[in-house]
Structures are given as structure tokens and as C-alpha cells.
N, C-alpha and C. Protein backbone atom coordinates (compact mmCIF):
# COMPACT_ATOMS: atom_id res chain seq x y z
N MET A 1 -13.79 33.00 6.96
CA MET A 1 -13.54 31.86 7.81
C MET A 1 -12.86 30.75 7.08
N ALA A 2 -11.77 30.30 7.51
CA ALA A 2 -10.96 29.23 6.83
C ALA A 2 -11.56 27.88 7.19
N LEU A 3 -11.60 26.99 6.15
CA LEU A 3 -12.07 25.70 6.38
C LEU A 3 -10.92 24.80 6.83
N LEU A 4 -11.14 23.99 7.87
CA LEU A 4 -10.08 23.07 8.32
C LEU A 4 -10.13 21.84 7.45
N ARG A 5 -9.01 21.46 6.96
CA ARG A 5 -8.92 20.24 6.16
C ARG A 5 -7.96 19.24 6.90
N TRP A 6 -8.40 18.10 7.23
CA TRP A 6 -7.53 17.17 7.94
C TRP A 6 -6.46 16.74 6.97
N ARG A 7 -5.29 16.60 7.56
CA ARG A 7 -4.10 16.02 6.81
C ARG A 7 -3.57 14.86 7.54
N THR A 8 -3.39 13.75 6.77
CA THR A 8 -2.94 12.56 7.35
C THR A 8 -1.68 12.12 6.61
N ARG A 9 -0.86 11.27 7.23
CA ARG A 9 0.32 10.72 6.59
C ARG A 9 0.30 9.24 6.76
N GLY A 10 0.47 8.64 5.66
CA GLY A 10 0.44 7.13 5.70
C GLY A 10 1.40 6.53 4.71
N VAL A 11 1.44 5.22 4.67
CA VAL A 11 2.38 4.47 3.90
C VAL A 11 1.68 3.39 3.17
N LYS A 12 2.21 2.97 2.02
CA LYS A 12 1.83 1.74 1.36
C LYS A 12 3.07 0.97 0.87
N ALA A 13 2.94 -0.25 0.77
CA ALA A 13 4.15 -1.11 0.46
C ALA A 13 3.87 -1.97 -0.76
N MET A 14 4.79 -1.94 -1.73
CA MET A 14 4.78 -2.96 -2.79
C MET A 14 5.74 -4.06 -2.32
N ALA A 15 5.17 -5.12 -1.79
CA ALA A 15 6.01 -6.24 -1.32
C ALA A 15 5.98 -7.39 -2.36
N PHE A 16 7.12 -7.81 -2.83
CA PHE A 16 7.32 -8.82 -3.89
C PHE A 16 7.86 -10.10 -3.26
N ASP A 17 7.41 -11.22 -3.75
CA ASP A 17 7.98 -12.45 -3.28
C ASP A 17 9.15 -12.85 -4.22
N ALA A 18 9.76 -14.01 -4.02
CA ALA A 18 10.94 -14.41 -4.84
C ALA A 18 10.53 -14.68 -6.33
N ASP A 19 9.28 -14.84 -6.59
CA ASP A 19 8.84 -15.03 -8.03
C ASP A 19 8.42 -13.74 -8.62
N GLY A 20 8.55 -12.61 -7.94
CA GLY A 20 8.14 -11.32 -8.47
C GLY A 20 6.67 -11.00 -8.34
N ARG A 21 5.97 -11.85 -7.61
CA ARG A 21 4.57 -11.56 -7.45
C ARG A 21 4.36 -10.48 -6.38
N LEU A 22 3.24 -9.59 -6.57
CA LEU A 22 2.99 -8.55 -5.69
C LEU A 22 1.99 -8.91 -4.65
N LEU A 23 2.16 -8.49 -3.43
CA LEU A 23 1.22 -8.80 -2.31
C LEU A 23 0.11 -7.72 -2.39
N LEU A 24 -1.11 -8.21 -2.40
CA LEU A 24 -2.33 -7.33 -2.39
C LEU A 24 -3.24 -7.75 -1.33
N VAL A 25 -3.98 -6.83 -0.79
CA VAL A 25 -4.94 -7.09 0.38
C VAL A 25 -6.32 -6.61 0.07
N ARG A 26 -7.30 -7.24 0.70
CA ARG A 26 -8.65 -6.75 0.73
C ARG A 26 -9.05 -6.47 2.15
N HIS A 27 -9.55 -5.22 2.46
CA HIS A 27 -9.94 -4.85 3.79
C HIS A 27 -11.32 -5.42 4.20
N ARG A 28 -11.54 -5.35 5.44
CA ARG A 28 -12.93 -5.80 5.98
C ARG A 28 -13.80 -4.53 6.07
N TYR A 29 -13.24 -3.34 5.88
CA TYR A 29 -13.94 -2.06 5.99
C TYR A 29 -13.86 -1.22 4.73
N GLY A 30 -14.61 -0.22 4.60
CA GLY A 30 -14.49 0.68 3.44
C GLY A 30 -14.77 -0.13 2.13
N ARG A 31 -13.95 0.00 1.14
CA ARG A 31 -14.17 -0.68 -0.15
C ARG A 31 -13.64 -2.11 0.01
N SER A 32 -14.25 -2.90 0.67
CA SER A 32 -13.85 -4.29 0.89
C SER A 32 -13.88 -5.19 -0.35
N ASP A 33 -14.45 -4.64 -1.46
CA ASP A 33 -14.41 -5.33 -2.76
C ASP A 33 -13.21 -5.10 -3.56
N LEU A 34 -12.27 -4.16 -3.06
CA LEU A 34 -11.14 -3.85 -3.83
C LEU A 34 -9.85 -4.40 -3.31
N TRP A 35 -8.96 -4.84 -4.15
CA TRP A 35 -7.60 -5.26 -3.80
C TRP A 35 -6.70 -4.02 -3.77
N MET A 36 -5.88 -3.92 -2.76
CA MET A 36 -5.05 -2.71 -2.60
C MET A 36 -3.68 -3.09 -2.14
N LEU A 37 -2.80 -2.15 -2.16
CA LEU A 37 -1.41 -2.37 -1.53
C LEU A 37 -1.63 -2.27 -0.01
N PRO A 38 -0.91 -3.11 0.74
CA PRO A 38 -1.03 -2.95 2.19
C PRO A 38 -0.33 -1.72 2.67
N GLY A 39 -0.81 -1.23 3.84
CA GLY A 39 -0.25 -0.03 4.44
C GLY A 39 -1.12 0.47 5.56
N GLY A 40 -0.76 1.69 5.99
CA GLY A 40 -1.50 2.30 7.13
C GLY A 40 -0.85 3.61 7.53
N GLY A 41 -1.12 4.01 8.77
CA GLY A 41 -0.65 5.26 9.25
C GLY A 41 0.68 5.18 9.78
N ILE A 42 1.36 6.45 9.86
CA ILE A 42 2.62 6.62 10.41
C ILE A 42 2.48 7.03 11.89
N GLY A 43 3.11 6.31 12.77
CA GLY A 43 3.01 6.68 14.20
C GLY A 43 3.86 7.87 14.54
N ARG A 44 3.60 8.50 15.69
CA ARG A 44 4.30 9.63 16.15
C ARG A 44 5.74 9.27 16.39
N GLY A 45 6.68 10.04 15.75
CA GLY A 45 8.11 9.77 15.86
C GLY A 45 8.61 8.64 15.04
N GLU A 46 7.70 8.01 14.19
CA GLU A 46 8.12 6.93 13.37
C GLU A 46 8.47 7.47 11.96
N THR A 47 9.50 6.87 11.38
CA THR A 47 9.79 7.21 9.99
C THR A 47 8.83 6.47 9.06
N PRO A 48 8.62 7.06 7.85
CA PRO A 48 7.77 6.35 6.92
C PRO A 48 8.22 4.93 6.55
N ALA A 49 9.50 4.75 6.40
CA ALA A 49 10.02 3.40 6.17
C ALA A 49 9.73 2.46 7.19
N ALA A 50 9.94 2.91 8.44
CA ALA A 50 9.66 2.01 9.59
C ALA A 50 8.15 1.72 9.65
N ALA A 51 7.31 2.72 9.33
CA ALA A 51 5.85 2.51 9.36
C ALA A 51 5.45 1.43 8.27
N ALA A 52 6.06 1.49 7.14
CA ALA A 52 5.76 0.48 6.04
C ALA A 52 6.08 -0.92 6.50
N VAL A 53 7.30 -1.06 7.15
CA VAL A 53 7.65 -2.42 7.61
C VAL A 53 6.77 -2.83 8.74
N ARG A 54 6.43 -2.01 9.71
CA ARG A 54 5.51 -2.31 10.74
C ARG A 54 4.08 -2.75 10.27
N GLU A 55 3.53 -1.81 9.38
CA GLU A 55 2.18 -2.10 8.90
C GLU A 55 2.09 -3.42 8.15
N LEU A 56 3.14 -3.72 7.30
CA LEU A 56 3.04 -4.95 6.59
C LEU A 56 3.08 -6.12 7.60
N ALA A 57 3.93 -6.11 8.55
CA ALA A 57 4.01 -7.17 9.55
C ALA A 57 2.71 -7.26 10.29
N GLU A 58 2.15 -6.14 10.76
CA GLU A 58 0.95 -6.16 11.54
C GLU A 58 -0.25 -6.82 10.79
N GLU A 59 -0.36 -6.42 9.50
CA GLU A 59 -1.52 -6.77 8.67
C GLU A 59 -1.35 -8.20 8.10
N THR A 60 -0.17 -8.58 7.76
CA THR A 60 -0.01 -9.81 6.99
C THR A 60 0.98 -10.79 7.63
N GLY A 61 1.72 -10.39 8.58
CA GLY A 61 2.75 -11.27 9.16
C GLY A 61 4.00 -11.38 8.36
N CYS A 62 4.09 -10.59 7.31
CA CYS A 62 5.26 -10.59 6.37
C CYS A 62 6.31 -9.63 6.83
N THR A 63 7.54 -9.97 6.77
CA THR A 63 8.68 -9.06 7.04
C THR A 63 9.15 -8.47 5.72
N LEU A 64 9.18 -7.16 5.65
CA LEU A 64 9.62 -6.45 4.43
C LEU A 64 11.11 -6.22 4.44
N ALA A 65 11.87 -6.79 3.50
CA ALA A 65 13.25 -6.61 3.40
C ALA A 65 13.61 -5.73 2.19
N ASP A 66 14.89 -5.29 2.12
CA ASP A 66 15.39 -4.51 0.99
C ASP A 66 14.45 -3.31 0.70
N VAL A 67 14.04 -2.65 1.81
CA VAL A 67 13.03 -1.57 1.68
C VAL A 67 13.70 -0.40 0.89
N ALA A 68 12.97 0.09 -0.11
CA ALA A 68 13.41 1.25 -0.85
C ALA A 68 12.27 2.17 -1.15
N PRO A 69 12.49 3.49 -0.97
CA PRO A 69 11.42 4.42 -1.22
C PRO A 69 11.16 4.53 -2.79
N ILE A 70 9.90 4.56 -3.08
CA ILE A 70 9.46 4.82 -4.51
C ILE A 70 9.05 6.24 -4.73
N GLY A 71 8.30 6.85 -3.82
CA GLY A 71 7.81 8.24 -3.97
C GLY A 71 6.87 8.63 -2.94
N CYS A 72 6.51 9.92 -3.00
CA CYS A 72 5.47 10.47 -2.09
C CYS A 72 4.34 11.03 -2.96
N TYR A 73 3.14 10.72 -2.52
CA TYR A 73 1.93 11.02 -3.35
C TYR A 73 0.95 11.86 -2.43
N GLU A 74 0.20 12.64 -3.15
CA GLU A 74 -0.91 13.37 -2.46
C GLU A 74 -2.23 12.84 -2.95
N ALA A 75 -3.14 12.71 -1.90
CA ALA A 75 -4.51 12.28 -2.22
C ALA A 75 -5.49 13.34 -1.56
N GLN A 76 -6.58 13.61 -2.19
CA GLN A 76 -7.57 14.46 -1.68
C GLN A 76 -8.94 13.78 -1.82
N ALA A 77 -9.52 13.49 -0.71
CA ALA A 77 -10.84 12.91 -0.71
C ALA A 77 -11.65 13.28 0.51
N GLU A 78 -12.95 13.53 0.37
CA GLU A 78 -13.79 13.79 1.49
C GLU A 78 -13.30 14.87 2.39
N GLY A 79 -12.73 15.97 1.81
CA GLY A 79 -12.23 17.05 2.66
C GLY A 79 -10.89 16.86 3.35
N ARG A 80 -10.24 15.75 3.06
CA ARG A 80 -8.97 15.39 3.64
C ARG A 80 -7.94 15.55 2.68
N ARG A 81 -6.69 15.88 3.17
CA ARG A 81 -5.54 15.84 2.34
C ARG A 81 -4.56 14.76 2.93
N ASP A 82 -4.26 13.78 2.12
CA ASP A 82 -3.45 12.68 2.61
C ASP A 82 -2.14 12.66 1.89
N THR A 83 -1.10 12.40 2.60
CA THR A 83 0.25 12.19 2.07
C THR A 83 0.60 10.74 2.14
N VAL A 84 0.88 10.05 1.09
CA VAL A 84 1.12 8.61 1.06
C VAL A 84 2.54 8.39 0.60
N PHE A 85 3.35 7.78 1.43
CA PHE A 85 4.69 7.40 1.11
C PHE A 85 4.72 5.96 0.61
N LEU A 86 5.22 5.75 -0.58
CA LEU A 86 5.21 4.42 -1.13
C LEU A 86 6.64 3.79 -1.13
N PHE A 87 6.65 2.53 -0.66
CA PHE A 87 7.97 1.80 -0.59
C PHE A 87 7.78 0.50 -1.33
N ARG A 88 8.96 -0.06 -1.71
CA ARG A 88 8.99 -1.42 -2.34
C ARG A 88 10.00 -2.20 -1.53
N GLY A 89 9.83 -3.52 -1.56
CA GLY A 89 10.71 -4.46 -0.91
C GLY A 89 10.43 -5.90 -1.21
N THR A 90 11.02 -6.78 -0.55
CA THR A 90 10.80 -8.22 -0.80
C THR A 90 10.44 -8.85 0.58
N THR A 91 9.77 -9.99 0.42
CA THR A 91 9.46 -10.80 1.57
C THR A 91 9.61 -12.28 1.20
N ARG A 92 9.98 -13.05 2.10
CA ARG A 92 10.09 -14.53 1.97
C ARG A 92 8.90 -15.23 2.61
N ASP A 93 8.07 -14.36 3.26
CA ASP A 93 6.98 -14.95 4.11
C ASP A 93 5.70 -15.09 3.26
N MET A 94 4.83 -16.06 3.73
CA MET A 94 3.55 -16.20 3.13
C MET A 94 2.60 -15.34 3.94
N PRO A 95 1.76 -14.55 3.28
CA PRO A 95 0.85 -13.64 4.02
C PRO A 95 -0.26 -14.36 4.68
N VAL A 96 -0.64 -13.88 5.91
CA VAL A 96 -1.83 -14.35 6.57
C VAL A 96 -2.56 -13.11 6.95
N ALA A 97 -3.80 -12.98 6.51
CA ALA A 97 -4.67 -11.77 6.82
C ALA A 97 -4.87 -11.74 8.27
N ASP A 98 -4.74 -10.58 8.86
CA ASP A 98 -4.85 -10.41 10.39
C ASP A 98 -6.25 -10.71 10.88
N ALA A 99 -7.26 -10.84 10.04
CA ALA A 99 -8.61 -11.09 10.42
C ALA A 99 -9.30 -9.97 11.19
N VAL A 100 -8.60 -8.91 11.40
CA VAL A 100 -9.14 -7.72 12.05
C VAL A 100 -9.45 -6.65 10.96
N GLU A 101 -8.35 -6.14 10.31
CA GLU A 101 -8.43 -5.22 9.28
C GLU A 101 -8.59 -5.86 7.94
N LEU A 102 -8.07 -7.09 7.72
CA LEU A 102 -7.95 -7.64 6.41
C LEU A 102 -8.84 -8.93 6.26
N ALA A 103 -9.51 -8.97 5.09
CA ALA A 103 -10.21 -10.18 4.78
C ALA A 103 -9.44 -11.17 4.04
N GLU A 104 -8.47 -10.61 3.19
CA GLU A 104 -7.58 -11.52 2.42
C GLU A 104 -6.28 -10.85 2.18
N ALA A 105 -5.18 -11.63 2.00
CA ALA A 105 -3.90 -11.13 1.67
C ALA A 105 -3.25 -12.26 0.78
N ARG A 106 -2.92 -11.87 -0.46
CA ARG A 106 -2.38 -12.89 -1.45
C ARG A 106 -1.38 -12.24 -2.37
N PHE A 107 -0.49 -13.07 -2.89
CA PHE A 107 0.39 -12.65 -3.93
C PHE A 107 -0.24 -12.91 -5.28
N PHE A 108 0.05 -11.92 -6.27
CA PHE A 108 -0.44 -12.08 -7.59
C PHE A 108 0.70 -11.74 -8.58
N ALA A 109 0.78 -12.47 -9.69
CA ALA A 109 1.70 -12.12 -10.71
C ALA A 109 1.13 -10.85 -11.35
N LEU A 110 2.04 -9.93 -11.78
CA LEU A 110 1.59 -8.66 -12.38
C LEU A 110 0.82 -8.83 -13.64
N ASP A 111 0.95 -9.95 -14.32
CA ASP A 111 0.20 -10.27 -15.55
C ASP A 111 -0.98 -11.13 -15.31
N ALA A 112 -1.32 -11.34 -14.04
CA ALA A 112 -2.49 -12.14 -13.69
C ALA A 112 -3.15 -11.56 -12.41
N LEU A 113 -3.45 -10.27 -12.45
CA LEU A 113 -4.06 -9.59 -11.30
C LEU A 113 -5.57 -9.99 -11.25
N PRO A 114 -6.06 -9.91 -9.93
CA PRO A 114 -7.43 -10.27 -9.77
C PRO A 114 -8.36 -9.16 -10.29
N ASP A 115 -9.62 -9.42 -10.40
CA ASP A 115 -10.58 -8.43 -10.71
C ASP A 115 -10.71 -7.51 -9.54
N GLY A 116 -10.95 -6.29 -9.70
CA GLY A 116 -11.25 -5.38 -8.53
C GLY A 116 -10.01 -4.74 -7.90
N VAL A 117 -8.98 -4.63 -8.68
CA VAL A 117 -7.76 -3.90 -8.07
C VAL A 117 -8.11 -2.44 -8.08
N SER A 118 -7.81 -1.77 -7.02
CA SER A 118 -8.17 -0.33 -6.90
C SER A 118 -7.47 0.50 -7.95
N PRO A 119 -8.09 1.58 -8.42
CA PRO A 119 -7.47 2.43 -9.38
C PRO A 119 -6.08 2.95 -9.03
N ALA A 120 -5.91 3.34 -7.78
CA ALA A 120 -4.61 3.85 -7.28
C ALA A 120 -3.54 2.71 -7.32
N THR A 121 -3.92 1.53 -6.97
CA THR A 121 -3.03 0.40 -7.03
C THR A 121 -2.59 0.10 -8.51
N MET A 122 -3.59 0.19 -9.37
CA MET A 122 -3.26 -0.08 -10.83
C MET A 122 -2.32 0.99 -11.35
N ARG A 123 -2.45 2.28 -10.89
CA ARG A 123 -1.54 3.28 -11.31
C ARG A 123 -0.13 3.04 -10.77
N ARG A 124 0.00 2.54 -9.57
CA ARG A 124 1.32 2.23 -9.06
C ARG A 124 1.94 1.04 -9.73
N ILE A 125 1.14 0.09 -10.13
CA ILE A 125 1.70 -1.08 -10.89
C ILE A 125 2.05 -0.62 -12.27
N ALA A 126 1.38 0.25 -12.94
CA ALA A 126 1.76 0.79 -14.20
C ALA A 126 3.08 1.54 -14.11
N GLU A 127 3.21 2.35 -13.12
CA GLU A 127 4.44 3.07 -12.90
C GLU A 127 5.63 2.08 -12.68
N HIS A 128 5.40 1.07 -11.82
CA HIS A 128 6.40 0.09 -11.55
C HIS A 128 6.83 -0.58 -12.87
N ARG A 129 5.95 -0.88 -13.76
CA ARG A 129 6.28 -1.54 -15.00
C ARG A 129 6.81 -0.55 -16.06
N GLY A 130 6.86 0.71 -15.78
CA GLY A 130 7.35 1.70 -16.72
C GLY A 130 6.34 2.10 -17.77
N ALA A 131 5.11 1.81 -17.56
CA ALA A 131 3.99 2.01 -18.49
C ALA A 131 3.34 3.39 -18.19
N ALA A 132 3.72 4.00 -17.08
CA ALA A 132 3.18 5.34 -16.70
C ALA A 132 4.24 6.01 -15.97
N THR A 133 4.10 7.37 -16.04
CA THR A 133 5.02 8.30 -15.31
C THR A 133 4.33 8.75 -14.00
N PRO A 134 4.99 8.67 -12.84
CA PRO A 134 4.35 9.19 -11.63
C PRO A 134 4.05 10.63 -11.72
N ASP A 135 2.83 11.04 -11.29
CA ASP A 135 2.53 12.41 -11.33
C ASP A 135 2.25 13.00 -9.94
N GLY A 136 2.57 12.28 -8.91
CA GLY A 136 2.46 12.80 -7.48
C GLY A 136 1.08 12.66 -6.93
N ARG A 137 0.09 12.20 -7.68
CA ARG A 137 -1.30 12.02 -7.16
C ARG A 137 -1.55 10.62 -6.83
N TRP A 138 -2.07 10.33 -5.69
CA TRP A 138 -2.39 8.91 -5.32
C TRP A 138 -3.62 8.45 -6.10
């Protein structure tokens, strides 16, 4: 008997402001103590890039410009297999947490990150800075 394993497709965005600060969010659910990259699911018929733009706008009110793909990652947790498409871009907007999914949304300088940044987010930041090589695992 084969075991069914759920497979989801989602996006994350590395959104930078004009000063090069990175937008991080804290959710109201799950690991609400951790700062993470904003993102979410990909809708039916939606491209990953369009989903990244939409999710950032829905969660933080920020418009993502200069959208560029960074990579595709695989995550496996709790019997699920997740594919995460990562994008980077810029925004001129100040984030406002949607108060539904997010508790906080703020920009941070890469050399002044808050305590409690998720391990996956720290790996993406290290890759962005050239301090680590992407290995395809979220």
C-alpha cells in the first residue's frame, strides 16, 4: 500500500527597501515567535511570480517591483512535500501587517536582524550574501 504524501506549491519573497533592508514577518499562527520571509500558496492557474507579488501585497500592503527568481526549493515536513519558489524584488512601500495572518511586518538591515529568525530564512540570507551555496532544500 502506497502512502499518500501531500504536495504543496508556495512562494516566498525577499523584498528589499531602498536602503537594502529585508522585509520579514511574524505570523499569528504556527511558529509565531519566528521572523520569516513573506509568502504563501500559489493559486490555480497563477504563476509563481504572480503569487509572490500577490501574497506580499495581501499580507503587507507592499508592491513588489523588479521581481526576479532566485530558485526553487524542496521542503519535507510532517509527511508533506512542499515546493517553494523564491523571488527577490524591491518595494517603496512601508509594510503594514494584515492583522489576520501577520502579527508584525518590518524591514531589517542584514547586519541587524532580530532574534528568532527562522533557520530557513537565515539560510536564504546567507545565500543572498554569498556566504552559502544553495542546495535546493528549504
